Amino acid sequence: MAFAQVIGLVAAFLTTIAVVPQAIKTFKTRSAKDLSLKMLLAVTAGVFCWLIYGLMINDFPLIAANIVTFCLYLALLYFRLTYK
């Protein structure tokens, strides 16, 4: 495995894992009132674009990380829209 791909995997892991505590907290407390809907929409759209880009260039770290991150942000969006 090339060094650049290792760096990509580490970056992908760190940026993906960063959203997990927020998703867990939101799910446990059933409260998403402090999450900005505009921020969630922007980040989710950005992650989706990164996923499409990763697919276009066939880059495994981008694809894997952004699939997971996209799902996590979709969950946060769902929580934000349903937990009032």
PDB file of N, CA and C in Angstrom:
ATOM      1  N   MET A   1       0.850  -1.172   0.000  1.00  0.00           N
ATOM      2  CA  MET A   1       0.000   0.000   0.000  1.00  0.00           C
ATOM      3  C   MET A   1       0.897   1.238   0.000  1.00  0.00           C
ATOM      4  N   ALA A   2       0.607   2.170  -0.870  1.00  0.00           N
ATOM      5  CA  ALA A   2       1.408   3.387  -0.995  1.00  0.00           C
ATOM      6  C   ALA A   2       1.212   4.288   0.224  1.00  0.00           C
ATOM      7  N   PHE A   3       2.246   5.039   0.536  1.00  0.00           N
ATOM      8  CA  PHE A   3       2.194   5.953   1.683  1.00  0.00           C
ATOM      9  C   PHE A   3       1.041   6.943   1.555  1.00  0.00           C
ATOM     10  N   ALA A   4       0.809   7.460   0.353  1.00  0.00           N
ATOM     11  CA  ALA A   4      -0.293   8.414   0.144  1.00  0.00           C
ATOM     12  C   ALA A   4      -1.632   7.775   0.482  1.00  0.00           C
ATOM     13  N   GLN A   5      -1.802   6.512   0.162  1.00  0.00           N
ATOM     14  CA  GLN A   5      -3.063   5.844   0.479  1.00  0.00           C
ATOM     15  C   GLN A   5      -3.200   5.630   1.987  1.00  0.00           C
ATOM     16  N   VAL A   6      -2.112   5.359   2.667  1.00  0.00           N
ATOM     17  CA  VAL A   6      -2.146   5.234   4.128  1.00  0.00           C
ATOM     18  C   VAL A   6      -2.580   6.557   4.748  1.00  0.00           C
ATOM     19  N   ILE A   7      -1.998   7.643   4.290  1.00  0.00           N
ATOM     20  CA  ILE A   7      -2.391   8.971   4.789  1.00  0.00           C
ATOM     21  C   ILE A   7      -3.872   9.215   4.505  1.00  0.00           C
ATOM     22  N   GLY A   8      -4.325   8.844   3.327  1.00  0.00           N
ATOM     23  CA  GLY A   8      -5.737   8.998   2.977  1.00  0.00           C
ATOM     24  C   GLY A   8      -6.645   8.189   3.888  1.00  0.00           C
ATOM     25  N   LEU A   9      -6.253   6.973   4.195  1.00  0.00           N
ATOM     26  CA  LEU A   9      -7.051   6.136   5.093  1.00  0.00           C
ATOM     27  C   LEU A   9      -7.098   6.702   6.508  1.00  0.00           C
ATOM     28  N   VAL A  10      -5.961   7.198   6.993  1.00  0.00           N
ATOM     29  CA  VAL A  10      -5.925   7.813   8.324  1.00  0.00           C
ATOM     30  C   VAL A  10      -6.816   9.055   8.353  1.00  0.00           C
ATOM     31  N   ALA A  11      -6.695   9.906   7.350  1.00  0.00           N
ATOM     32  CA  ALA A  11      -7.533  11.111   7.273  1.00  0.00           C
ATOM     33  C   ALA A  11      -9.005  10.734   7.185  1.00  0.00           C
ATOM     34  N   ALA A  12      -9.318   9.747   6.383  1.00  0.00           N
ATOM     35  CA  ALA A  12     -10.702   9.294   6.234  1.00  0.00           C
ATOM     36  C   ALA A  12     -11.250   8.780   7.561  1.00  0.00           C
ATOM     37  N   PHE A  13     -10.462   7.992   8.265  1.00  0.00           N
ATOM     38  CA  PHE A  13     -10.890   7.469   9.562  1.00  0.00           C
ATOM     39  C   PHE A  13     -11.150   8.594  10.557  1.00  0.00           C
ATOM     40  N   LEU A  14     -10.210   9.521  10.658  1.00  0.00           N
ATOM     41  CA  LEU A  14     -10.342  10.603  11.635  1.00  0.00           C
ATOM     42  C   LEU A  14     -11.531  11.511  11.349  1.00  0.00           C
ATOM     43  N   THR A  15     -11.734  11.876  10.094  1.00  0.00           N
ATOM     44  CA  THR A  15     -12.848  12.776   9.783  1.00  0.00           C
ATOM     45  C   THR A  15     -14.193  12.059   9.870  1.00  0.00           C
ATOM     46  N   THR A  16     -14.195  10.773   9.640  1.00  0.00           N
ATOM     47  CA  THR A  16     -15.445  10.012   9.758  1.00  0.00           C
ATOM     48  C   THR A  16     -15.803   9.790  11.217  1.00  0.00           C
ATOM     49  N   ILE A  17     -14.839   9.404  12.011  1.00  0.00           N
ATOM     50  CA  ILE A  17     -15.099   9.112  13.418  1.00  0.00           C
ATOM     51  C   ILE A  17     -15.486  10.372  14.204  1.00  0.00           C
ATOM     52  N   ALA A  18     -15.114  11.528  13.698  1.00  0.00           N
ATOM     53  CA  ALA A  18     -15.399  12.785  14.400  1.00  0.00           C
ATOM     54  C   ALA A  18     -16.893  13.033  14.578  1.00  0.00           C
ATOM     55  N   VAL A  19     -17.726  12.551  13.682  1.00  0.00           N
ATOM     56  CA  VAL A  19     -19.165  12.807  13.764  1.00  0.00           C
ATOM     57  C   VAL A  19     -19.891  11.776  14.629  1.00  0.00           C
ATOM     58  N   VAL A  20     -19.243  10.667  14.932  1.00  0.00           N
ATOM     59  CA  VAL A  20     -19.893   9.594  15.689  1.00  0.00           C
ATOM     60  C   VAL A  20     -20.368  10.041  17.071  1.00  0.00           C
ATOM     61  N   PRO A  21     -19.571  10.750  17.881  1.00  0.00           N
ATOM     62  CA  PRO A  21     -20.067  11.172  19.194  1.00  0.00           C
ATOM     63  C   PRO A  21     -21.326  12.045  19.107  1.00  0.00           C
ATOM     64  N   GLN A  22     -21.399  12.919  18.115  1.00  0.00           N
ATOM     65  CA  GLN A  22     -22.587  13.762  17.971  1.00  0.00           C
ATOM     66  C   GLN A  22     -23.804  12.921  17.608  1.00  0.00           C
ATOM     67  N   ALA A  23     -23.627  11.963  16.725  1.00  0.00           N
ATOM     68  CA  ALA A  23     -24.742  11.096  16.339  1.00  0.00           C
ATOM     69  C   ALA A  23     -25.228  10.269  17.527  1.00  0.00           C
ATOM     70  N   ILE A  24     -24.305   9.732  18.303  1.00  0.00           N
ATOM     71  CA  ILE A  24     -24.681   8.942  19.482  1.00  0.00           C
ATOM     72  C   ILE A  24     -25.400   9.810  20.503  1.00  0.00           C
ATOM     73  N   LYS A  25     -24.855  10.984  20.777  1.00  0.00           N
ATOM     74  CA  LYS A  25     -25.478  11.882  21.757  1.00  0.00           C
ATOM     75  C   LYS A  25     -26.880  12.289  21.315  1.00  0.00           C
ATOM     76  N   THR A  26     -27.031  12.618  20.048  1.00  0.00           N
ATOM     77  CA  THR A  26     -28.337  13.029  19.534  1.00  0.00           C
ATOM     78  C   THR A  26     -29.331  11.881  19.624  1.00  0.00           C
ATOM     79  N   PHE A  27     -28.901  10.670  19.292  1.00  0.00           N
ATOM     80  CA  PHE A  27     -29.781   9.510  19.368  1.00  0.00           C
ATOM     81  C   PHE A  27     -30.178   9.224  20.817  1.00  0.00           C
ATOM     82  N   LYS A  28     -29.215   9.272  21.732  1.00  0.00           N
ATOM     83  CA  LYS A  28     -29.494   8.971  23.135  1.00  0.00           C
ATOM     84  C   LYS A  28     -30.411  10.005  23.784  1.00  0.00           C
ATOM     85  N   THR A  29     -30.157  11.288  23.522  1.00  0.00           N
ATOM     86  CA  THR A  29     -30.934  12.347  24.173  1.00  0.00           C
ATOM     87  C   THR A  29     -32.236  12.660  23.450  1.00  0.00           C
ATOM     88  N   ARG A  30     -32.362  12.174  22.228  1.00  0.00           N
ATOM     89  CA  ARG A  30     -33.527  12.464  21.382  1.00  0.00           C
ATOM     90  C   ARG A  30     -33.740  13.965  21.237  1.00  0.00           C
ATOM     91  N   SER A  31     -32.630  14.686  21.205  1.00  0.00           N
ATOM     92  CA  SER A  31     -32.671  16.138  21.056  1.00  0.00           C
ATOM     93  C   SER A  31     -31.642  16.580  20.023  1.00  0.00           C
ATOM     94  N   ALA A  32     -32.125  17.327  19.046  1.00  0.00           N
ATOM     95  CA  ALA A  32     -31.234  17.853  18.011  1.00  0.00           C
ATOM     96  C   ALA A  32     -31.442  19.344  17.844  1.00  0.00           C
ATOM     97  N   LYS A  33     -32.033  19.970  18.851  1.00  0.00           N
ATOM     98  CA  LYS A  33     -32.371  21.390  18.744  1.00  0.00           C
ATOM     99  C   LYS A  33     -31.152  22.291  18.585  1.00  0.00           C
ATOM    100  N   ASP A  34     -30.004  21.856  19.067  1.00  0.00           N
ATOM    101  CA  ASP A  34     -28.800  22.680  18.973  1.00  0.00           C
ATOM    102  C   ASP A  34     -28.028  22.478  17.675  1.00  0.00           C
ATOM    103  N   LEU A  35     -28.480  21.560  16.830  1.00  0.00           N
ATOM    104  CA  LEU A  35     -27.807  21.324  15.549  1.00  0.00           C
ATOM    105  C   LEU A  35     -28.394  22.260  14.497  1.00  0.00           C
ATOM    106  N   SER A  36     -27.532  22.959  13.814  1.00  0.00           N
ATOM    107  CA  SER A  36     -27.963  23.879  12.768  1.00  0.00           C
ATOM    108  C   SER A  36     -28.384  23.104  11.520  1.00  0.00           C
ATOM    109  N   LEU A  37     -29.614  23.315  11.091  1.00  0.00           N
ATOM    110  CA  LEU A  37     -30.104  22.642   9.895  1.00  0.00           C
ATOM    111  C   LEU A  37     -29.305  23.060   8.667  1.00  0.00           C
ATOM    112  N   LYS A  38     -28.987  24.338   8.561  1.00  0.00           N
ATOM    113  CA  LYS A  38     -28.207  24.816   7.414  1.00  0.00           C
ATOM    114  C   LYS A  38     -26.829  24.169   7.370  1.00  0.00           C
ATOM    115  N   MET A  39     -26.196  24.044   8.531  1.00  0.00           N
ATOM    116  CA  MET A  39     -24.880  23.400   8.599  1.00  0.00           C
ATOM    117  C   MET A  39     -24.992  21.938   8.197  1.00  0.00           C
ATOM    118  N   LEU A  40     -25.992  21.236   8.719  1.00  0.00           N
ATOM    119  CA  LEU A  40     -26.168  19.834   8.382  1.00  0.00           C
ATOM    120  C   LEU A  40     -26.412  19.635   6.889  1.00  0.00           C
ATOM    121  N   LEU A  41     -27.225  20.494   6.295  1.00  0.00           N
ATOM    122  CA  LEU A  41     -27.490  20.403   4.862  1.00  0.00           C
ATOM    123  C   LEU A  41     -26.220  20.646   4.046  1.00  0.00           C
ATOM    124  N   ALA A  42     -25.459  21.648   4.442  1.00  0.00           N
ATOM    125  CA  ALA A  42     -24.228  21.982   3.714  1.00  0.00           C
ATOM    126  C   ALA A  42     -23.190  20.864   3.832  1.00  0.00           C
ATOM    127  N   VAL A  43     -22.982  20.360   5.037  1.00  0.00           N
ATOM    128  CA  VAL A  43     -21.986  19.306   5.231  1.00  0.00           C
ATOM    129  C   VAL A  43     -22.415  18.023   4.525  1.00  0.00           C
ATOM    130  N   THR A  44     -23.693  17.686   4.614  1.00  0.00           N
ATOM    131  CA  THR A  44     -24.186  16.481   3.949  1.00  0.00           C
ATOM    132  C   THR A  44     -24.004  16.588   2.439  1.00  0.00           C
ATOM    133  N   ALA A  45     -24.319  17.733   1.874  1.00  0.00           N
ATOM    134  CA  ALA A  45     -24.126  17.948   0.431  1.00  0.00           C
ATOM    135  C   ALA A  45     -22.646  17.872   0.074  1.00  0.00           C
ATOM    136  N   GLY A  46     -21.792  18.460   0.899  1.00  0.00           N
ATOM    137  CA  GLY A  46     -20.349  18.413   0.650  1.00  0.00           C
ATOM    138  C   GLY A  46     -19.800  17.001   0.703  1.00  0.00           C
ATOM    139  N   VAL A  47     -20.231  16.235   1.690  1.00  0.00           N
ATOM    140  CA  VAL A  47     -19.786  14.843   1.814  1.00  0.00           C
ATOM    141  C   VAL A  47     -20.269  14.031   0.613  1.00  0.00           C
ATOM    142  N   PHE A  48     -21.493  14.292   0.168  1.00  0.00           N
ATOM    143  CA  PHE A  48     -22.011  13.603  -1.016  1.00  0.00           C
ATOM    144  C   PHE A  48     -21.142  13.915  -2.235  1.00  0.00           C
ATOM    145  N   CYS A  49     -20.755  15.178  -2.371  1.00  0.00           N
ATOM    146  CA  CYS A  49     -19.875  15.557  -3.492  1.00  0.00           C
ATOM    147  C   CYS A  49     -18.523  14.857  -3.393  1.00  0.00           C
ATOM    148  N   TRP A  50     -17.963  14.762  -2.188  1.00  0.00           N
ATOM    149  CA  TRP A  50     -16.707  14.042  -2.006  1.00  0.00           C
ATOM    150  C   TRP A  50     -16.876  12.567  -2.379  1.00  0.00           C
ATOM    151  N   LEU A  51     -18.027  11.985  -2.037  1.00  0.00           N
ATOM    152  CA  LEU A  51     -18.286  10.597  -2.397  1.00  0.00           C
ATOM    153  C   LEU A  51     -18.326  10.418  -3.912  1.00  0.00           C
ATOM    154  N   ILE A  52     -19.040  11.296  -4.586  1.00  0.00           N
ATOM    155  CA  ILE A  52     -19.106  11.231  -6.048  1.00  0.00           C
ATOM    156  C   ILE A  52     -17.703  11.393  -6.645  1.00  0.00           C
ATOM    157  N   TYR A  53     -16.936  12.345  -6.124  1.00  0.00           N
ATOM    158  CA  TYR A  53     -15.564  12.560  -6.592  1.00  0.00           C
ATOM    159  C   TYR A  53     -14.724  11.297  -6.392  1.00  0.00           C
ATOM    160  N   GLY A  54     -14.824  10.688  -5.210  1.00  0.00           N
ATOM    161  CA  GLY A  54     -14.080   9.467  -4.933  1.00  0.00           C
ATOM    162  C   GLY A  54     -14.445   8.350  -5.901  1.00  0.00           C
ATOM    163  N   LEU A  55     -15.728   8.244  -6.230  1.00  0.00           N
ATOM    164  CA  LEU A  55     -16.159   7.241  -7.211  1.00  0.00           C
ATOM    165  C   LEU A  55     -15.598   7.547  -8.597  1.00  0.00           C
ATOM    166  N   MET A  56     -15.578   8.826  -8.950  1.00  0.00           N
ATOM    167  CA  MET A  56     -15.085   9.219 -10.271  1.00  0.00           C
ATOM    168  C   MET A  56     -13.606   8.904 -10.445  1.00  0.00           C
ATOM    169  N   ILE A  57     -12.834   9.083  -9.381  1.00  0.00           N
ATOM    170  CA  ILE A  57     -11.395   8.826  -9.490  1.00  0.00           C
ATOM    171  C   ILE A  57     -11.019   7.453  -8.931  1.00  0.00           C
ATOM    172  N   ASN A  58     -12.039   6.697  -8.478  1.00  0.00           N
ATOM    173  CA  ASN A  58     -11.835   5.348  -7.968  1.00  0.00           C
ATOM    174  C   ASN A  58     -10.826   5.325  -6.816  1.00  0.00           C
ATOM    175  N   ASP A  59     -11.061   6.170  -5.812  1.00  0.00           N
ATOM    176  CA  ASP A  59     -10.166   6.280  -4.661  1.00  0.00           C
ATOM    177  C   ASP A  59     -10.838   5.655  -3.439  1.00  0.00           C
ATOM    178  N   PHE A  60     -10.340   4.499  -3.025  1.00  0.00           N
ATOM    179  CA  PHE A  60     -10.961   3.747  -1.942  1.00  0.00           C
ATOM    180  C   PHE A  60     -11.122   4.538  -0.639  1.00  0.00           C
ATOM    181  N   PRO A  61     -10.093   5.227  -0.132  1.00  0.00           N
ATOM    182  CA  PRO A  61     -10.279   5.963   1.115  1.00  0.00           C
ATOM    183  C   PRO A  61     -11.403   7.010   1.026  1.00  0.00           C
ATOM    184  N   LEU A  62     -11.472   7.723  -0.079  1.00  0.00           N
ATOM    185  CA  LEU A  62     -12.546   8.714  -0.241  1.00  0.00           C
ATOM    186  C   LEU A  62     -13.912   8.051  -0.291  1.00  0.00           C
ATOM    187  N   ILE A  63     -14.011   6.972  -1.014  1.00  0.00           N
ATOM    188  CA  ILE A  63     -15.291   6.282  -1.159  1.00  0.00           C
ATOM    189  C   ILE A  63     -15.754   5.722   0.185  1.00  0.00           C
ATOM    190  N   ALA A  64     -14.888   4.961   0.840  1.00  0.00           N
ATOM    191  CA  ALA A  64     -15.259   4.311   2.098  1.00  0.00           C
ATOM    192  C   ALA A  64     -15.632   5.330   3.171  1.00  0.00           C
ATOM    193  N   ALA A  65     -14.780   6.310   3.352  1.00  0.00           N
ATOM    194  CA  ALA A  65     -15.034   7.305   4.397  1.00  0.00           C
ATOM    195  C   ALA A  65     -16.303   8.090   4.124  1.00  0.00           C
ATOM    196  N   ASN A  66     -16.516   8.462   2.893  1.00  0.00           N
ATOM    197  CA  ASN A  66     -17.664   9.311   2.597  1.00  0.00           C
ATOM    198  C   ASN A  66     -18.981   8.552   2.544  1.00  0.00           C
ATOM    199  N   ILE A  67     -18.954   7.268   2.298  1.00  0.00           N
ATOM    200  CA  ILE A  67     -20.182   6.477   2.438  1.00  0.00           C
ATOM    201  C   ILE A  67     -20.625   6.475   3.903  1.00  0.00           C
ATOM    202  N   VAL A  68     -19.668   6.173   4.787  1.00  0.00           N
ATOM    203  CA  VAL A  68     -19.980   6.129   6.218  1.00  0.00           C
ATOM    204  C   VAL A  68     -20.382   7.518   6.721  1.00  0.00           C
ATOM    205  N   THR A  69     -19.600   8.530   6.380  1.00  0.00           N
ATOM    206  CA  THR A  69     -19.882   9.896   6.838  1.00  0.00           C
ATOM    207  C   THR A  69     -21.222  10.389   6.309  1.00  0.00           C
ATOM    208  N   PHE A  70     -21.513  10.096   5.049  1.00  0.00           N
ATOM    209  CA  PHE A  70     -22.790  10.501   4.458  1.00  0.00           C
ATOM    210  C   PHE A  70     -23.953   9.869   5.224  1.00  0.00           C
ATOM    211  N   CYS A  71     -23.844   8.605   5.552  1.00  0.00           N
ATOM    212  CA  CYS A  71     -24.901   7.937   6.317  1.00  0.00           C
ATOM    213  C   CYS A  71     -25.071   8.550   7.706  1.00  0.00           C
ATOM    214  N   LEU A  72     -23.955   8.871   8.352  1.00  0.00           N
ATOM    215  CA  LEU A  72     -24.027   9.494   9.675  1.00  0.00           C
ATOM    216  C   LEU A  72     -24.699  10.865   9.600  1.00  0.00           C
ATOM    217  N   TYR A  73     -24.338  11.660   8.597  1.00  0.00           N
ATOM    218  CA  TYR A  73     -24.963  12.975   8.465  1.00  0.00           C
ATOM    219  C   TYR A  73     -26.421  12.877   8.047  1.00  0.00           C
ATOM    220  N   LEU A  74     -26.770  11.866   7.257  1.00  0.00           N
ATOM    221  CA  LEU A  74     -28.189  11.650   6.948  1.00  0.00           C
ATOM    222  C   LEU A  74     -28.959  11.332   8.227  1.00  0.00           C
ATOM    223  N   ALA A  75     -28.356  10.534   9.101  1.00  0.00           N
ATOM    224  CA  ALA A  75     -28.994  10.232  10.383  1.00  0.00           C
ATOM    225  C   ALA A  75     -29.171  11.499  11.212  1.00  0.00           C
ATOM    226  N   LEU A  76     -28.135  12.333  11.264  1.00  0.00           N
ATOM    227  CA  LEU A  76     -28.255  13.594  12.010  1.00  0.00           C
ATOM    228  C   LEU A  76     -29.330  14.492  11.405  1.00  0.00           C
ATOM    229  N   LEU A  77     -29.412  14.539  10.088  1.00  0.00           N
ATOM    230  CA  LEU A  77     -30.476  15.310   9.434  1.00  0.00           C
ATOM    231  C   LEU A  77     -31.848  14.758   9.812  1.00  0.00           C
ATOM    232  N   TYR A  78     -31.974  13.447   9.800  1.00  0.00           N
ATOM    233  CA  TYR A  78     -33.225  12.821  10.196  1.00  0.00           C
ATOM    234  C   TYR A  78     -33.576  13.200  11.635  1.00  0.00           C
ATOM    235  N   PHE A  79     -32.601  13.082  12.535  1.00  0.00           N
ATOM    236  CA  PHE A  79     -32.836  13.438  13.930  1.00  0.00           C
ATOM    237  C   PHE A  79     -33.248  14.904  14.049  1.00  0.00           C
ATOM    238  N   ARG A  80     -32.567  15.773  13.324  1.00  0.00           N
ATOM    239  CA  ARG A  80     -32.847  17.215  13.384  1.00  0.00           C
ATOM    240  C   ARG A  80     -34.270  17.513  12.921  1.00  0.00           C
ATOM    241  N   LEU A  81     -34.719  16.787  11.908  1.00  0.00           N
ATOM    242  CA  LEU A  81     -36.059  17.023  11.370  1.00  0.00           C
ATOM    243  C   LEU A  81     -37.176  16.342  12.163  1.00  0.00           C
ATOM    244  N   THR A  82     -36.844  15.292  12.904  1.00  0.00           N
ATOM    245  CA  THR A  82     -37.886  14.573  13.629  1.00  0.00           C
ATOM    246  C   THR A  82     -37.887  14.824  15.139  1.00  0.00           C
ATOM    247  N   TYR A  83     -36.749  15.117  15.746  1.00  0.00           N
ATOM    248  CA  TYR A  83     -36.702  15.384  17.178  1.00  0.00           C
ATOM    249  C   TYR A  83     -36.885  16.876  17.380  1.00  0.00           C
ATOM    250  N   LYS A  84     -38.036  17.262  17.781  1.00  0.00           N
ATOM    251  CA  LYS A  84     -38.322  18.690  17.993  1.00  0.00           C
ATOM    252  C   LYS A  84     -38.036  19.089  19.411  1.00  0.00           C
TER     253      LYS A  84
END
